[in-house]
Structure formats: C-alpha cells, structure tokens
Amino acid sequence: MFVTSAFAQTAPEATETLVAPGVAPAGEVHTETGVAHDAAAGGVFPPFDASTYPSQLLWLVITFGLFYLLMQKLLVPRVGGILEQRHDRIAQDLDEASRLQSEADAAVATYEKELAEARAKAGAIGETAREAAKTKAAADRTAIEVELAQKLSAAEARIGEIKTQAFAQVGTIAEETVGAIVDQLIGAKATADDIKAAVAAASPKGA
C-alpha cells in the first residue's frame, strides 16, 4: 500500500477523544487509502483526491492487465474458434448447395433431353400412322371404285339385255295392237303378213 505525505504530517501527539462508532477520529490516517480524515475540512471523496491517484493508477494497470490476459487466453480464442467453426460451416453449406445445384441442373438437362426424344418419337409415330391411314384409305377407295365399276358394268349389261328383249318384243306388241285396231275400225281381221308389212313400214329405220 502507498502512504502519502499526509501520513507524515499527522499531529505529534494523538489526543484521546470520544468518537462515534464507524467514524474515524480527526487527524487519523485511513489505513486503506492513506488519507487523513479531517473532521473540520468535511473530508474528500477518495477517487477525487489527488493524493490517491498513484494507487488508483496502479490498480487500473493491474485490472487492465488481468482483463487483457483474460481476453487473450479465454475470450479471444473462444470467439475465434466460434468464428472459424461458423466459417467452416458456411463453406460446407455453400459447397453442398453448389453440389445440389449441379445435380439439379444435370437432372433438368436429362429431363429436357428425354422430353425432346419423346416428342420426336411421338412425331415419328404420328407421321407413320398418318401415312398408314392414307395408304389404307387409298387402297379402300380403289377397291370401292373397282367394285362400283363392276356393279355399273353389270347394271349396264343388264339394262342392255332388258333393252334388247324389249325391242325384240316391240314388233310382236305392235302387230297385236295393229290387228286389234284394224279389227275395231273395219270390223274385219287383217292377215298377219299385212300387219307385219304395215308395222315394218311404220317403224323408223334402224329401230
């Protein structure tokens, strides 16, 4: 402990006085700060007393040194370790995110490639189906046209036969009709040769 000059300036002889408990007698030196208590002066707050500055500076240096050692040995390494651990964690997270992004990009590229191949395959299948449908339609149309042509030829042949038969019967019908008309008009029957001659004369040429 530091003892200031105030300790040396105490009264040569201490007088016995009645002092209240807890109050230092006048002129007594404080054992911790080394400051003499003067009851007449009213006393000075020790931190503001210039005579205590050296001891205050000493304790400030000691406290600052201890605090510095505490920071250097405990707090700074711990904070540095936490920051390093957090930095490593962030780096790992970034690497993992980059890896996942790469995998996602590769998956998207593969999906797009497969989708393009599927579309191309579907287009090829559709084109093949259209060509097959066109070919089948053309074949069906040709078959129908052939069948219709055959039916038309058969119908024309049948009509020709019917027409030939009809023309073959026209002479007989005409002869019978003429015989009936002559019989009604003149009341006498004409001969078959006369009727045929009259029908032949009345028929157009080439009929």
Protein backbone atom coordinates (compact mmCIF):
# COMPACT_ATOMS: atom_id res chain seq x y z
CA MET A 1 0.00 0.00 0.00
CA PHE A 2 1.14 3.53 -0.77
CA VAL A 3 1.47 6.00 2.11
CA THR A 4 1.27 9.64 1.08
CA SER A 5 2.90 12.65 2.67
CA ALA A 6 -0.27 13.25 4.61
CA PHE A 7 0.69 10.32 6.84
CA ALA A 8 3.90 12.06 7.85
CA GLN A 9 2.08 15.28 8.69
CA THR A 10 -0.05 13.84 11.48
CA ALA A 11 -0.14 15.53 14.92
CA PRO A 12 2.90 14.75 17.10
CA GLU A 13 0.68 13.56 19.82
CA ALA A 14 -2.65 11.89 19.47
CA THR A 15 -5.35 13.16 21.77
CA GLU A 16 -7.94 10.87 23.11
CA THR A 17 -11.42 11.88 22.00
CA LEU A 18 -14.71 10.24 22.10
CA VAL A 19 -15.54 9.08 18.59
CA ALA A 20 -18.79 7.62 17.42
CA PRO A 21 -18.62 4.05 16.18
CA GLY A 22 -17.73 3.85 12.46
CA VAL A 23 -16.30 7.43 12.34
CA ALA A 24 -12.54 7.92 12.19
CA PRO A 25 -11.15 10.44 14.73
CA ALA A 26 -9.90 13.77 13.47
CA GLY A 27 -6.35 13.55 12.14
CA GLU A 28 -6.42 9.70 11.88
CA VAL A 29 -4.98 8.25 8.69
CA HIS A 30 -7.19 5.82 6.74
CA THR A 31 -5.40 2.50 6.65
CA GLU A 32 -6.52 1.56 3.10
CA THR A 33 -6.17 4.81 1.19
CA GLY A 34 -3.58 6.53 3.37
CA VAL A 35 -5.71 9.69 3.53
CA ALA A 36 -6.00 11.61 6.80
CA HIS A 37 -9.53 12.32 7.92
CA ASP A 38 -10.03 15.90 8.89
CA ALA A 39 -13.37 16.43 10.54
CA ALA A 40 -13.08 20.20 10.24
CA ALA A 41 -12.49 20.04 6.46
CA GLY A 42 -15.51 17.76 5.93
CA GLY A 43 -13.44 15.08 4.02
CA VAL A 44 -12.86 14.50 0.23
CA PHE A 45 -14.24 11.61 -1.87
CA PRO A 46 -11.19 9.32 -2.25
CA PRO A 47 -11.38 8.84 -6.06
CA PHE A 48 -11.28 12.61 -6.48
CA ASP A 49 -8.41 13.08 -4.05
CA ALA A 50 -5.19 13.81 -5.95
CA SER A 51 -3.15 12.10 -3.27
CA THR A 52 -4.76 8.71 -4.20
CA TYR A 53 -4.02 8.92 -7.93
CA PRO A 54 -0.87 6.73 -7.80
CA SER A 55 -2.68 3.86 -6.08
CA GLN A 56 -5.63 4.24 -8.44
CA LEU A 57 -3.32 4.11 -11.46
CA LEU A 58 -1.59 1.03 -10.07
CA TRP A 59 -4.87 -0.81 -9.59
CA LEU A 60 -6.02 0.35 -13.06
CA VAL A 61 -2.89 -1.14 -14.63
CA ILE A 62 -3.30 -4.37 -12.67
CA THR A 63 -7.00 -4.63 -13.60
CA PHE A 64 -6.34 -3.84 -17.27
CA GLY A 65 -3.54 -6.43 -17.35
CA LEU A 66 -5.76 -9.10 -15.85
CA PHE A 67 -8.57 -8.20 -18.23
CA TYR A 68 -6.13 -8.30 -21.16
CA LEU A 69 -4.85 -11.72 -20.12
CA LEU A 70 -8.42 -12.95 -19.71
CA MET A 71 -9.29 -11.69 -23.19
CA GLN A 72 -6.15 -13.17 -24.73
CA LYS A 73 -6.30 -16.55 -23.04
CA LEU A 74 -10.02 -17.25 -22.88
CA LEU A 75 -12.34 -14.91 -24.75
CA VAL A 76 -10.36 -14.27 -27.95
CA PRO A 77 -9.56 -17.97 -28.62
CA ARG A 78 -13.13 -18.97 -27.88
CA VAL A 79 -14.59 -16.25 -30.14
CA GLY A 80 -12.01 -17.11 -32.81
CA GLY A 81 -12.91 -20.78 -32.58
CA ILE A 82 -16.61 -19.97 -32.90
CA LEU A 83 -15.97 -17.74 -35.91
CA GLU A 84 -13.76 -20.38 -37.53
CA GLN A 85 -16.34 -23.07 -36.90
CA ARG A 86 -19.06 -20.86 -38.35
CA HIS A 87 -16.87 -20.07 -41.34
CA ASP A 88 -16.29 -23.79 -41.94
CA ARG A 89 -20.00 -24.49 -41.57
CA ILE A 90 -20.86 -21.76 -44.08
CA ALA A 91 -18.22 -23.09 -46.50
CA GLN A 92 -19.64 -26.61 -46.19
CA ASP A 93 -23.17 -25.32 -46.73
CA LEU A 94 -22.04 -23.42 -49.83
CA ASP A 95 -20.30 -26.50 -51.19
CA GLU A 96 -23.38 -28.61 -50.52
CA ALA A 97 -25.61 -26.02 -52.18
CA SER A 98 -23.28 -25.92 -55.19
CA ARG A 99 -23.35 -29.71 -55.43
CA LEU A 100 -27.13 -29.82 -55.19
CA GLN A 101 -27.39 -27.07 -57.82
CA SER A 102 -25.15 -29.06 -60.15
CA GLU A 103 -27.23 -32.19 -59.60
CA ALA A 104 -30.44 -30.23 -60.22
CA ASP A 105 -29.02 -28.75 -63.45
CA ALA A 106 -27.96 -32.21 -64.62
CA ALA A 107 -31.41 -33.62 -63.80
CA VAL A 108 -33.12 -30.78 -65.69
CA ALA A 109 -30.86 -31.30 -68.70
CA THR A 110 -31.59 -35.05 -68.68
CA TYR A 111 -35.33 -34.40 -68.38
CA GLU A 112 -35.30 -31.94 -71.26
CA LYS A 113 -33.32 -34.38 -73.41
CA GLU A 114 -35.71 -37.24 -72.66
CA LEU A 115 -38.68 -34.95 -73.31
CA ALA A 116 -37.25 -33.90 -76.69
CA GLU A 117 -36.64 -37.56 -77.60
CA ALA A 118 -40.18 -38.48 -76.55
CA ARG A 119 -41.62 -35.65 -78.64
CA ALA A 120 -39.55 -36.69 -81.66
CA LYS A 121 -40.63 -40.33 -81.21
CA ALA A 122 -44.27 -39.30 -80.86
CA GLY A 123 -43.98 -37.18 -84.01
CA ALA A 124 -42.47 -40.09 -85.91
CA ILE A 125 -45.20 -42.45 -84.69
CA GLY A 126 -47.87 -39.93 -85.66
CA GLU A 127 -46.36 -39.46 -89.13
CA THR A 128 -46.18 -43.22 -89.62
CA ALA A 129 -49.78 -43.57 -88.51
CA ARG A 130 -50.88 -40.82 -90.90
CA GLU A 131 -49.04 -42.40 -93.80
CA ALA A 132 -50.54 -45.80 -92.97
CA ALA A 133 -54.01 -44.27 -92.76
CA LYS A 134 -53.52 -42.52 -96.11
CA THR A 135 -52.33 -45.74 -97.74
CA LYS A 136 -55.23 -47.72 -96.32
CA ALA A 137 -57.72 -45.05 -97.37
CA ALA A 138 -56.30 -45.02 -100.88
CA ALA A 139 -56.47 -48.82 -101.06
CA ASP A 140 -60.05 -48.84 -99.74
CA ARG A 141 -61.07 -46.14 -102.23
CA THR A 142 -59.51 -48.08 -105.10
CA ALA A 143 -61.28 -51.25 -104.03
CA ILE A 144 -64.60 -49.41 -103.73
CA GLU A 145 -64.12 -47.78 -107.13
CA VAL A 146 -63.35 -51.17 -108.70
CA GLU A 147 -66.41 -52.70 -107.06
CA LEU A 148 -68.61 -49.83 -108.20
CA ALA A 149 -67.23 -50.10 -111.71
CA GLN A 150 -68.01 -53.82 -111.75
CA LYS A 151 -71.52 -53.21 -110.47
CA LEU A 152 -72.01 -50.43 -113.03
CA SER A 153 -70.83 -52.68 -115.85
CA ALA A 154 -73.15 -55.43 -114.67
CA ALA A 155 -76.02 -52.94 -114.47
CA GLU A 156 -75.30 -51.61 -117.94
CA ALA A 157 -75.15 -55.15 -119.29
CA ARG A 158 -78.45 -55.98 -117.60
CA ILE A 159 -80.03 -52.81 -118.96
CA GLY A 160 -78.75 -53.72 -122.41
CA GLU A 161 -80.28 -57.18 -122.14
CA ILE A 162 -83.57 -55.74 -120.94
CA LYS A 163 -83.50 -53.18 -123.75
CA THR A 164 -82.75 -55.88 -126.33
CA GLN A 165 -85.57 -58.02 -125.01
CA ALA A 166 -87.89 -55.02 -125.01
CA PHE A 167 -87.02 -54.13 -128.60
CA ALA A 168 -87.45 -57.76 -129.58
CA GLN A 169 -90.96 -57.72 -128.16
CA VAL A 170 -91.92 -54.35 -129.65
CA GLY A 171 -92.68 -55.87 -133.07
CA THR A 172 -94.98 -58.50 -131.63
CA ILE A 173 -96.76 -55.96 -129.42
CA ALA A 174 -97.14 -53.59 -132.39
CA GLU A 175 -98.52 -56.33 -134.62
CA GLU A 176 -101.04 -57.34 -131.96
CA THR A 177 -102.00 -53.71 -131.40
CA VAL A 178 -102.43 -53.03 -135.12
CA GLY A 179 -104.55 -56.18 -135.57
CA ALA A 180 -106.81 -55.09 -132.72
CA ILE A 181 -107.12 -51.56 -134.11
CA VAL A 182 -107.94 -52.79 -137.64
CA ASP A 183 -110.50 -55.19 -136.24
CA GLN A 184 -112.15 -52.38 -134.30
CA LEU A 185 -112.11 -49.93 -137.20
CA ILE A 186 -113.19 -52.03 -140.18
CA GLY A 187 -114.69 -54.99 -138.42
CA ALA A 188 -112.54 -57.45 -140.29
CA LYS A 189 -109.37 -59.18 -139.32
CA ALA A 190 -106.23 -58.39 -141.26
CA THR A 191 -103.78 -61.08 -142.15
CA ALA A 192 -100.54 -61.49 -140.29
CA ASP A 193 -98.48 -60.66 -143.37
CA ASP A 194 -100.37 -57.41 -143.94
CA ILE A 195 -99.94 -56.43 -140.29
CA LYS A 196 -96.19 -57.15 -140.39
CA ALA A 197 -95.79 -55.15 -143.57
CA ALA A 198 -97.70 -52.21 -142.11
CA VAL A 199 -95.64 -52.30 -138.89
CA ALA A 200 -92.37 -52.53 -140.83
CA ALA A 201 -93.41 -49.57 -142.98
CA ALA A 202 -94.36 -47.52 -139.91
CA SER A 203 -91.23 -48.41 -137.88
CA PRO A 204 -88.30 -45.91 -138.09
CA LYS A 205 -85.25 -47.11 -139.93
CA GLY A 206 -82.60 -48.79 -137.83
CA ALA A 207 -85.03 -49.46 -134.96
